[in-house]
């Protein structure tokens, strides 16, 4: 009986030691993506790259 309890506890500890690990990995990936997006938006806003791109597209569509 004690052997079964010990075996069950060992399986539970092994199984539960990685519980939530994938959630933490997803959270880190999302944080990384947010950091990259923030840097990209900051660069695009500071350099007026979006407005220049928009102006060039409009100029090609509506020549004149």
PDB file of N, CA and C in Angstrom:
ATOM      1  N   UNK A   1       0.818  -1.181   0.000  1.00  0.00           N
ATOM      2  CA  UNK A   1       0.000   0.000   0.000  1.00  0.00           C
ATOM      3  C   UNK A   1       0.878   1.268   0.000  1.00  0.00           C
ATOM      4  N   UNK A   2       1.881   1.325   0.814  1.00  0.00           N
ATOM      5  CA  UNK A   2       2.763   2.484   0.866  1.00  0.00           C
ATOM      6  C   UNK A   2       3.519   2.627  -0.447  1.00  0.00           C
ATOM      7  N   UNK A   3       3.870   1.525  -1.064  1.00  0.00           N
ATOM      8  CA  UNK A   3       4.581   1.581  -2.341  1.00  0.00           C
ATOM      9  C   UNK A   3       3.696   2.240  -3.400  1.00  0.00           C
ATOM     10  N   UNK A   4       2.414   1.928  -3.390  1.00  0.00           N
ATOM     11  CA  UNK A   4       1.485   2.550  -4.343  1.00  0.00           C
ATOM     12  C   UNK A   4       1.370   4.051  -4.112  1.00  0.00           C
ATOM     13  N   UNK A   5       1.282   4.436  -2.861  1.00  0.00           N
ATOM     14  CA  UNK A   5       1.159   5.858  -2.539  1.00  0.00           C
ATOM     15  C   UNK A   5       2.420   6.610  -2.973  1.00  0.00           C
ATOM     16  N   UNK A   6       3.577   6.041  -2.692  1.00  0.00           N
ATOM     17  CA  UNK A   6       4.831   6.672  -3.078  1.00  0.00           C
ATOM     18  C   UNK A   6       4.931   6.757  -4.611  1.00  0.00           C
ATOM     19  N   UNK A   7       4.543   5.708  -5.289  1.00  0.00           N
ATOM     20  CA  UNK A   7       4.585   5.711  -6.752  1.00  0.00           C
ATOM     21  C   UNK A   7       3.627   6.758  -7.319  1.00  0.00           C
ATOM     22  N   UNK A   8       2.450   6.864  -6.726  1.00  0.00           N
ATOM     23  CA  UNK A   8       1.484   7.848  -7.172  1.00  0.00           C
ATOM     24  C   UNK A   8       1.993   9.274  -6.949  1.00  0.00           C
ATOM     25  N   UNK A   9       2.596   9.502  -5.803  1.00  0.00           N
ATOM     26  CA  UNK A   9       3.158  10.818  -5.508  1.00  0.00           C
ATOM     27  C   UNK A   9       4.307  11.161  -6.454  1.00  0.00           C
ATOM     28  N   UNK A  10       5.133  10.170  -6.769  1.00  0.00           N
ATOM     29  CA  UNK A  10       6.249  10.401  -7.690  1.00  0.00           C
ATOM     30  C   UNK A  10       5.726  10.749  -9.079  1.00  0.00           C
ATOM     31  N   UNK A  11       4.686  10.064  -9.535  1.00  0.00           N
ATOM     32  CA  UNK A  11       4.091  10.371 -10.834  1.00  0.00           C
ATOM     33  C   UNK A  11       3.443  11.752 -10.828  1.00  0.00           C
ATOM     34  N   UNK A  12       2.787  12.098  -9.739  1.00  0.00           N
ATOM     35  CA  UNK A  12       2.133  13.393  -9.638  1.00  0.00           C
ATOM     36  C   UNK A  12       3.159  14.527  -9.653  1.00  0.00           C
ATOM     37  N   UNK A  13       4.258  14.351  -8.924  1.00  0.00           N
ATOM     38  CA  UNK A  13       5.299  15.383  -8.896  1.00  0.00           C
ATOM     39  C   UNK A  13       5.955  15.534 -10.253  1.00  0.00           C
ATOM     40  N   UNK A  14       6.206  14.432 -10.915  1.00  0.00           N
ATOM     41  CA  UNK A  14       6.823  14.484 -12.243  1.00  0.00           C
ATOM     42  C   UNK A  14       5.885  15.161 -13.229  1.00  0.00           C
ATOM     43  N   UNK A  15       4.616  14.813 -13.144  1.00  0.00           N
ATOM     44  CA  UNK A  15       3.636  15.369 -14.078  1.00  0.00           C
ATOM     45  C   UNK A  15       3.362  16.842 -13.770  1.00  0.00           C
ATOM     46  N   UNK A  16       3.270  17.198 -12.526  1.00  0.00           N
ATOM     47  CA  UNK A  16       2.886  18.560 -12.170  1.00  0.00           C
ATOM     48  C   UNK A  16       4.049  19.543 -12.202  1.00  0.00           C
ATOM     49  N   UNK A  17       5.272  19.067 -12.317  1.00  0.00           N
ATOM     50  CA  UNK A  17       6.400  19.993 -12.313  1.00  0.00           C
ATOM     51  C   UNK A  17       6.453  20.846 -13.574  1.00  0.00           C
ATOM     52  N   UNK A  18       5.853  20.394 -14.668  1.00  0.00           N
ATOM     53  CA  UNK A  18       5.856  21.151 -15.910  1.00  0.00           C
ATOM     54  C   UNK A  18       4.505  21.788 -16.188  1.00  0.00           C
ATOM     55  N   UNK A  19       3.599  21.700 -15.230  1.00  0.00           N
ATOM     56  CA  UNK A  19       2.277  22.281 -15.437  1.00  0.00           C
ATOM     57  C   UNK A  19       2.402  23.787 -15.562  1.00  0.00           C
ATOM     58  N   UNK A  20       1.798  24.352 -16.589  1.00  0.00           N
ATOM     59  CA  UNK A  20       1.851  25.788 -16.812  1.00  0.00           C
ATOM     60  C   UNK A  20       3.071  26.251 -17.586  1.00  0.00           C
ATOM     61  N   UNK A  21       3.939  25.349 -17.944  1.00  0.00           N
ATOM     62  CA  UNK A  21       5.157  25.760 -18.651  1.00  0.00           C
ATOM     63  C   UNK A  21       4.822  26.302 -20.035  1.00  0.00           C
ATOM     64  N   UNK A  22       3.910  25.653 -20.747  1.00  0.00           N
ATOM     65  CA  UNK A  22       3.578  26.146 -22.086  1.00  0.00           C
ATOM     66  C   UNK A  22       2.877  27.496 -22.014  1.00  0.00           C
ATOM     67  N   UNK A  23       2.101  27.715 -20.968  1.00  0.00           N
ATOM     68  CA  UNK A  23       1.451  29.013 -20.803  1.00  0.00           C
ATOM     69  C   UNK A  23       2.495  30.108 -20.608  1.00  0.00           C
ATOM     70  N   UNK A  24       3.501  29.823 -19.820  1.00  0.00           N
ATOM     71  CA  UNK A  24       4.570  30.798 -19.607  1.00  0.00           C
ATOM     72  C   UNK A  24       5.339  31.051 -20.905  1.00  0.00           C
ATOM     73  N   UNK A  25       5.554  30.016 -21.691  1.00  0.00           N
ATOM     74  CA  UNK A  25       6.249  30.183 -22.965  1.00  0.00           C
ATOM     75  C   UNK A  25       5.433  31.052 -23.921  1.00  0.00           C
ATOM     76  N   UNK A  26       4.116  30.820 -23.977  1.00  0.00           N
ATOM     77  CA  UNK A  26       3.259  31.648 -24.819  1.00  0.00           C
ATOM     78  C   UNK A  26       3.298  33.101 -24.356  1.00  0.00           C
ATOM     79  N   UNK A  27       3.290  33.308 -23.053  1.00  0.00           N
ATOM     80  CA  UNK A  27       3.330  34.670 -22.516  1.00  0.00           C
ATOM     81  C   UNK A  27       4.629  35.366 -22.914  1.00  0.00           C
ATOM     82  N   UNK A  28       5.737  34.655 -22.864  1.00  0.00           N
ATOM     83  CA  UNK A  28       7.017  35.253 -23.258  1.00  0.00           C
ATOM     84  C   UNK A  28       7.059  35.580 -24.745  1.00  0.00           C
ATOM     85  N   UNK A  29       6.485  34.713 -25.554  1.00  0.00           N
ATOM     86  CA  UNK A  29       6.443  34.969 -26.998  1.00  0.00           C
ATOM     87  C   UNK A  29       5.584  36.194 -27.284  1.00  0.00           C
ATOM     88  N   UNK A  30       4.452  36.299 -26.594  1.00  0.00           N
ATOM     89  CA  UNK A  30       3.577  37.457 -26.792  1.00  0.00           C
ATOM     90  C   UNK A  30       4.278  38.737 -26.345  1.00  0.00           C
ATOM     91  N   UNK A  31       4.980  38.694 -25.213  1.00  0.00           N
ATOM     92  CA  UNK A  31       5.713  39.872 -24.752  1.00  0.00           C
ATOM     93  C   UNK A  31       6.796  40.282 -25.751  1.00  0.00           C
ATOM     94  N   UNK A  32       7.477  39.297 -26.328  1.00  0.00           N
ATOM     95  CA  UNK A  32       8.477  39.592 -27.350  1.00  0.00           C
ATOM     96  C   UNK A  32       7.862  40.231 -28.583  1.00  0.00           C
ATOM     97  N   UNK A  33       6.716  39.716 -29.005  1.00  0.00           N
ATOM     98  CA  UNK A  33       6.037  40.279 -30.175  1.00  0.00           C
ATOM     99  C   UNK A  33       5.577  41.703 -29.903  1.00  0.00           C
ATOM    100  N   UNK A  34       5.094  41.946 -28.703  1.00  0.00           N
ATOM    101  CA  UNK A  34       4.667  43.298 -28.336  1.00  0.00           C
ATOM    102  C   UNK A  34       5.860  44.252 -28.318  1.00  0.00           C
ATOM    103  N   UNK A  35       6.985  43.789 -27.813  1.00  0.00           N
ATOM    104  CA  UNK A  35       8.182  44.637 -27.783  1.00  0.00           C
ATOM    105  C   UNK A  35       8.633  44.995 -29.196  1.00  0.00           C
ATOM    106  N   UNK A  36       8.639  44.026 -30.087  1.00  0.00           N
ATOM    107  CA  UNK A  36       9.038  44.283 -31.477  1.00  0.00           C
ATOM    108  C   UNK A  36       8.045  45.220 -32.157  1.00  0.00           C
ATOM    109  N   UNK A  37       6.748  44.994 -31.927  1.00  0.00           N
ATOM    110  CA  UNK A  37       5.740  45.867 -32.525  1.00  0.00           C
ATOM    111  C   UNK A  37       5.864  47.291 -32.001  1.00  0.00           C
ATOM    112  N   UNK A  38       6.153  47.433 -30.714  1.00  0.00           N
ATOM    113  CA  UNK A  38       6.320  48.770 -30.146  1.00  0.00           C
ATOM    114  C   UNK A  38       7.515  49.484 -30.767  1.00  0.00           C
ATOM    115  N   UNK A  39       8.618  48.755 -30.912  1.00  0.00           N
ATOM    116  CA  UNK A  39       9.789  49.362 -31.557  1.00  0.00           C
ATOM    117  C   UNK A  39       9.494  49.766 -33.000  1.00  0.00           C
ATOM    118  N   UNK A  40       8.786  48.928 -33.721  1.00  0.00           N
ATOM    119  CA  UNK A  40       8.451  49.215 -35.115  1.00  0.00           C
ATOM    120  C   UNK A  40       7.533  50.422 -35.217  1.00  0.00           C
ATOM    121  N   UNK A  41       6.536  50.502 -34.360  1.00  0.00           N
ATOM    122  CA  UNK A  41       5.612  51.640 -34.385  1.00  0.00           C
ATOM    123  C   UNK A  41       6.334  52.925 -33.999  1.00  0.00           C
ATOM    124  N   UNK A  42       7.205  52.834 -33.003  1.00  0.00           N
ATOM    125  CA  UNK A  42       7.971  54.012 -32.589  1.00  0.00           C
ATOM    126  C   UNK A  42       8.871  54.504 -33.713  1.00  0.00           C
ATOM    127  N   UNK A  43       9.530  53.598 -34.395  1.00  0.00           N
ATOM    128  CA  UNK A  43      10.399  53.974 -35.513  1.00  0.00           C
ATOM    129  C   UNK A  43       9.575  54.584 -36.650  1.00  0.00           C
ATOM    130  N   UNK A  44       8.462  53.927 -36.982  1.00  0.00           N
ATOM    131  CA  UNK A  44       7.652  54.398 -38.106  1.00  0.00           C
ATOM    132  C   UNK A  44       7.051  55.762 -37.814  1.00  0.00           C
ATOM    133  N   UNK A  45       6.662  56.001 -36.583  1.00  0.00           N
ATOM    134  CA  UNK A  45       6.086  57.287 -36.221  1.00  0.00           C
ATOM    135  C   UNK A  45       7.154  58.377 -36.200  1.00  0.00           C
ATOM    136  N   UNK A  46       8.309  58.058 -35.659  1.00  0.00           N
ATOM    137  CA  UNK A  46       9.377  59.055 -35.555  1.00  0.00           C
ATOM    138  C   UNK A  46       9.982  59.437 -36.887  1.00  0.00           C
ATOM    139  N   UNK A  47      10.055  58.497 -37.808  1.00  0.00           N
ATOM    140  CA  UNK A  47      10.691  58.786 -39.093  1.00  0.00           C
ATOM    141  C   UNK A  47       9.683  59.192 -40.164  1.00  0.00           C
ATOM    142  N   UNK A  48       8.427  59.242 -39.829  1.00  0.00           N
ATOM    143  CA  UNK A  48       7.352  59.589 -40.767  1.00  0.00           C
ATOM    144  C   UNK A  48       7.337  58.637 -41.960  1.00  0.00           C
ATOM    145  N   UNK A  49       7.750  57.417 -41.748  1.00  0.00           N
ATOM    146  CA  UNK A  49       7.800  56.442 -42.838  1.00  0.00           C
ATOM    147  C   UNK A  49       6.399  56.094 -43.335  1.00  0.00           C
ATOM    148  N   UNK A  50       5.431  56.026 -42.440  1.00  0.00           N
ATOM    149  CA  UNK A  50       4.064  55.671 -42.846  1.00  0.00           C
ATOM    150  C   UNK A  50       3.476  56.772 -43.722  1.00  0.00           C
ATOM    151  N   UNK A  51       3.662  58.023 -43.331  1.00  0.00           N
ATOM    152  CA  UNK A  51       3.116  59.120 -44.136  1.00  0.00           C
ATOM    153  C   UNK A  51       3.806  59.202 -45.500  1.00  0.00           C
ATOM    154  N   UNK A  52       5.111  58.946 -45.548  1.00  0.00           N
ATOM    155  CA  UNK A  52       5.833  58.946 -46.827  1.00  0.00           C
ATOM    156  C   UNK A  52       5.332  57.816 -47.724  1.00  0.00           C
ATOM    157  N   UNK A  53       5.113  56.635 -47.142  1.00  0.00           N
ATOM    158  CA  UNK A  53       4.591  55.504 -47.909  1.00  0.00           C
ATOM    159  C   UNK A  53       3.202  55.818 -48.438  1.00  0.00           C
ATOM    160  N   UNK A  54       2.360  56.380 -47.591  1.00  0.00           N
ATOM    161  CA  UNK A  54       1.007  56.725 -48.004  1.00  0.00           C
ATOM    162  C   UNK A  54       1.032  57.764 -49.121  1.00  0.00           C
ATOM    163  N   UNK A  55       1.879  58.773 -48.975  1.00  0.00           N
ATOM    164  CA  UNK A  55       1.987  59.803 -50.015  1.00  0.00           C
ATOM    165  C   UNK A  55       2.461  59.217 -51.343  1.00  0.00           C
ATOM    166  N   UNK A  56       3.432  58.318 -51.303  1.00  0.00           N
ATOM    167  CA  UNK A  56       3.923  57.731 -52.549  1.00  0.00           C
ATOM    168  C   UNK A  56       2.866  56.844 -53.206  1.00  0.00           C
ATOM    169  N   UNK A  57       2.080  56.143 -52.423  1.00  0.00           N
ATOM    170  CA  UNK A  57       1.006  55.312 -52.992  1.00  0.00           C
ATOM    171  C   UNK A  57      -0.045  56.194 -53.632  1.00  0.00           C
ATOM    172  N   UNK A  58      -0.440  57.254 -52.938  1.00  0.00           N
ATOM    173  CA  UNK A  58      -1.449  58.172 -53.492  1.00  0.00           C
ATOM    174  C   UNK A  58      -0.937  58.860 -54.762  1.00  0.00           C
ATOM    175  N   UNK A  59       0.338  59.237 -54.768  1.00  0.00           N
ATOM    176  CA  UNK A  59       0.920  59.858 -55.967  1.00  0.00           C
ATOM    177  C   UNK A  59       0.920  58.926 -57.170  1.00  0.00           C
ATOM    178  N   UNK A  60       1.121  57.631 -56.919  1.00  0.00           N
ATOM    179  CA  UNK A  60       1.114  56.670 -58.027  1.00  0.00           C
ATOM    180  C   UNK A  60      -0.309  56.390 -58.507  1.00  0.00           C
ATOM    181  N   UNK A  61      -1.259  56.443 -57.598  1.00  0.00           N
ATOM    182  CA  UNK A  61      -2.647  56.170 -57.980  1.00  0.00           C
ATOM    183  C   UNK A  61      -3.244  57.382 -58.711  1.00  0.00           C
ATOM    184  N   UNK A  62      -2.970  58.554 -58.160  1.00  0.00           N
ATOM    185  CA  UNK A  62      -3.510  59.783 -58.732  1.00  0.00           C
ATOM    186  C   UNK A  62      -2.397  60.671 -59.278  1.00  0.00           C
ATOM    187  N   UNK A  63      -1.909  60.363 -60.460  1.00  0.00           N
ATOM    188  CA  UNK A  63      -0.809  61.191 -60.995  1.00  0.00           C
ATOM    189  C   UNK A  63      -1.328  62.594 -61.330  1.00  0.00           C
ATOM    190  N   UNK A  64      -0.476  63.528 -61.163  1.00  0.00           N
ATOM    191  CA  UNK A  64      -0.919  64.838 -61.592  1.00  0.00           C
ATOM    192  C   UNK A  64      -0.424  65.880 -60.739  1.00  0.00           C
TER     193      UNK A  64
END
